[in-house]
N, C-alpha and C. Protein backbone atom coordinates (compact mmCIF):
# COMPACT_ATOMS: atom_id res chain seq x y z
N MET A 1 2.46 10.56 12.85
CA MET A 1 3.74 10.44 13.45
C MET A 1 4.52 11.23 13.14
N ASN A 2 5.11 12.19 14.03
CA ASN A 2 6.51 12.83 13.67
C ASN A 2 7.89 12.01 13.63
N LEU A 3 7.83 11.52 12.18
CA LEU A 3 9.31 10.64 12.32
C LEU A 3 10.78 11.62 13.11
N MET A 4 10.77 12.98 13.28
CA MET A 4 11.71 13.45 13.84
C MET A 4 12.01 13.04 15.39
N HIS A 5 10.62 12.83 15.70
CA HIS A 5 10.71 13.22 16.98
C HIS A 5 10.30 11.66 17.54
N ASN A 6 10.15 10.76 16.75
CA ASN A 6 10.16 9.57 17.23
C ASN A 6 10.46 8.48 15.67
N PRO A 7 11.71 8.48 15.20
CA PRO A 7 12.14 7.69 14.29
C PRO A 7 11.91 5.91 14.43
N GLU A 8 11.01 5.27 14.97
CA GLU A 8 10.76 4.31 15.20
C GLU A 8 9.26 4.06 14.52
N ALA A 9 9.55 3.24 13.82
CA ALA A 9 8.08 3.04 12.98
C ALA A 9 7.91 1.71 12.28
N VAL A 10 6.50 0.88 12.14
CA VAL A 10 6.37 -0.06 11.47
C VAL A 10 5.63 -0.19 10.21
N VAL A 11 6.33 -0.75 8.89
CA VAL A 11 5.74 -0.67 7.67
C VAL A 11 5.41 -1.98 7.46
N THR A 12 4.51 -2.16 6.23
CA THR A 12 3.56 -3.09 5.95
C THR A 12 4.58 -3.04 4.21
N ILE A 13 5.12 -4.09 4.02
CA ILE A 13 5.48 -4.60 2.63
C ILE A 13 5.00 -5.77 2.53
N LYS A 14 4.28 -5.76 1.09
CA LYS A 14 3.67 -7.09 1.11
C LYS A 14 3.06 -7.95 1.98
N ARG A 15 2.16 -7.54 2.68
CA ARG A 15 1.57 -7.62 3.49
C ARG A 15 2.41 -7.98 4.89
N GLU A 16 3.66 -8.12 4.95
CA GLU A 16 4.59 -8.61 6.32
C GLU A 16 4.76 -6.87 6.90
N LYS A 17 4.69 -6.73 8.19
CA LYS A 17 5.51 -5.67 8.98
C LYS A 17 6.39 -6.26 9.96
N ARG A 18 7.10 -4.68 9.42
CA ARG A 18 8.61 -5.00 9.87
C ARG A 18 8.36 -3.55 10.42
N LYS A 19 9.38 -3.83 11.63
CA LYS A 19 10.22 -2.48 12.14
C LYS A 19 11.39 -1.71 11.66
N VAL A 20 10.94 -0.67 11.45
CA VAL A 20 12.22 0.80 11.12
C VAL A 20 12.71 1.48 11.58
N ARG A 21 14.23 2.10 11.54
CA ARG A 21 14.04 3.45 12.09
C ARG A 21 14.51 4.16 10.87
N THR A 22 13.66 5.73 10.97
CA THR A 22 14.01 6.51 9.58
C THR A 22 14.80 7.27 10.48
N ARG A 23 15.56 7.95 9.34
CA ARG A 23 16.21 9.10 9.38
C ARG A 23 16.29 9.82 8.16
N ARG A 24 16.74 11.19 8.15
CA ARG A 24 16.56 11.93 7.31
C ARG A 24 17.80 11.86 6.30
N ALA A 25 17.82 11.69 5.17
CA ALA A 25 19.21 11.47 4.06
C ALA A 25 20.15 12.72 4.37
N THR A 26 21.38 11.97 4.13
CA THR A 26 22.10 13.38 4.04
C THR A 26 22.17 14.13 2.82
N PRO A 27 23.04 15.02 2.92
CA PRO A 27 22.87 16.28 1.52
C PRO A 27 23.17 15.42 0.48
N ASP A 28 24.56 14.03 0.49
CA ASP A 28 25.04 13.62 -0.86
C ASP A 28 23.99 12.74 -0.96
N GLU A 29 23.14 11.92 -0.12
CA GLU A 29 22.09 11.00 -0.54
C GLU A 29 21.08 11.49 -1.21
N ARG A 30 20.89 12.71 -0.37
CA ARG A 30 19.18 13.82 -1.42
C ARG A 30 19.77 13.84 -2.62
N SER A 31 21.20 14.46 -2.79
CA SER A 31 21.25 14.83 -3.81
C SER A 31 21.52 13.74 -5.06
N ARG A 32 21.77 12.82 -4.85
CA ARG A 32 21.50 11.42 -5.46
C ARG A 32 19.92 11.21 -5.83
N LEU A 33 19.27 10.79 -4.47
CA LEU A 33 18.15 10.10 -4.62
C LEU A 33 16.97 11.05 -5.12
N TRP A 34 17.09 12.23 -4.91
CA TRP A 34 15.79 13.11 -5.29
C TRP A 34 15.70 13.17 -6.92
N PRO A 35 16.70 13.11 -7.62
CA PRO A 35 16.41 12.81 -9.06
C PRO A 35 15.44 11.37 -9.41
N LEU A 36 15.73 10.87 -8.74
CA LEU A 36 15.30 9.24 -8.87
C LEU A 36 14.27 9.20 -8.40
N LEU A 37 13.56 9.67 -7.37
CA LEU A 37 12.14 9.98 -6.55
C LEU A 37 11.38 11.03 -7.41
N THR A 38 12.03 11.78 -8.41
CA THR A 38 11.16 12.94 -8.97
C THR A 38 10.69 12.00 -10.47
N THR A 39 11.54 11.43 -10.74
CA THR A 39 11.09 10.52 -11.86
C THR A 39 9.97 9.50 -11.44
N MET A 40 10.18 8.80 -10.63
CA MET A 40 8.79 8.13 -10.07
C MET A 40 7.55 8.37 -9.84
N PHE A 41 7.65 9.51 -8.81
CA PHE A 41 6.72 10.05 -8.62
C PHE A 41 6.65 11.64 -8.76
N HIS A 42 6.30 12.18 -10.44
CA HIS A 42 6.53 13.42 -10.48
C HIS A 42 5.62 14.48 -9.89
N GLY A 43 4.51 14.35 -8.89
CA GLY A 43 4.03 15.18 -8.25
C GLY A 43 5.09 15.68 -7.14
N TYR A 44 6.25 15.26 -6.93
CA TYR A 44 7.08 15.80 -6.01
C TYR A 44 7.91 16.57 -7.04
N ASP A 45 8.10 16.31 -7.96
CA ASP A 45 9.14 17.44 -8.65
C ASP A 45 7.85 18.98 -8.73
N ASP A 46 6.42 18.95 -8.88
CA ASP A 46 5.61 19.93 -9.00
C ASP A 46 5.84 20.72 -7.83
N TYR A 47 5.32 19.85 -6.66
CA TYR A 47 4.98 20.17 -5.37
C TYR A 47 6.54 21.24 -5.10
N SER A 48 7.96 20.70 -5.12
CA SER A 48 9.21 21.54 -4.66
C SER A 48 9.24 22.55 -5.68
N LYS A 49 8.59 23.15 -6.48
CA LYS A 49 8.79 24.37 -7.33
C LYS A 49 7.56 25.11 -6.66
N LYS A 50 6.73 24.79 -5.96
CA LYS A 50 5.64 25.60 -5.49
C LYS A 50 5.97 25.86 -3.86
N THR A 51 7.40 25.69 -3.69
CA THR A 51 7.50 25.94 -1.98
C THR A 51 8.89 26.20 -1.80
N LYS A 52 9.18 27.22 -0.77
CA LYS A 52 10.37 27.47 -0.38
C LYS A 52 10.83 26.42 0.29
N ARG A 53 10.79 25.64 0.94
CA ARG A 53 11.74 24.71 1.81
C ARG A 53 11.84 23.30 1.12
N GLU A 54 12.77 23.08 1.76
CA GLU A 54 13.27 21.48 0.96
C GLU A 54 12.53 20.50 1.42
N ILE A 55 12.15 19.70 0.72
CA ILE A 55 11.24 18.66 0.81
C ILE A 55 12.41 17.55 1.30
N PRO A 56 11.86 16.77 2.46
CA PRO A 56 13.06 16.02 3.05
C PRO A 56 12.74 14.59 2.18
N VAL A 57 14.13 13.89 2.06
CA VAL A 57 13.70 12.75 2.03
C VAL A 57 14.19 11.57 3.05
N VAL A 58 13.55 10.68 3.25
CA VAL A 58 13.71 9.64 4.45
C VAL A 58 13.74 8.65 4.23
N LEU A 59 15.05 8.11 4.85
CA LEU A 59 15.21 6.82 4.42
C LEU A 59 14.66 5.68 5.68
N LEU A 60 14.42 4.42 5.23
CA LEU A 60 13.99 3.49 6.43
C LEU A 60 15.18 2.64 6.53
N GLU A 61 15.43 1.89 7.73
CA GLU A 61 16.63 0.99 7.85
C GLU A 61 15.81 0.03 9.04
N PRO A 62 16.15 -1.15 8.42
CA PRO A 62 15.94 -2.16 9.20
C PRO A 62 16.07 -1.81 10.74
N SER A 63 15.36 -2.32 11.63
CA SER A 63 15.00 -1.97 13.24
C SER A 63 15.26 -3.21 13.81
N THR A 64 15.52 -3.60 14.77
CA THR A 64 15.21 -4.57 15.60
C THR A 64 14.22 -5.10 16.64
């Protein structure tokens, strides 16, 4: 699924399905969140060093 093209999605959290709307983090949000993500998921930091593109941070917001 291409979330940039269709930002509506359904995720499962603790066996409960929830409708969400996705959006790309703003530059300020990304600069705050990226260090947290690479601390939790070490592979992201390694991958980001091997590519020239910026890896997007996608946020999920509740949808009705």
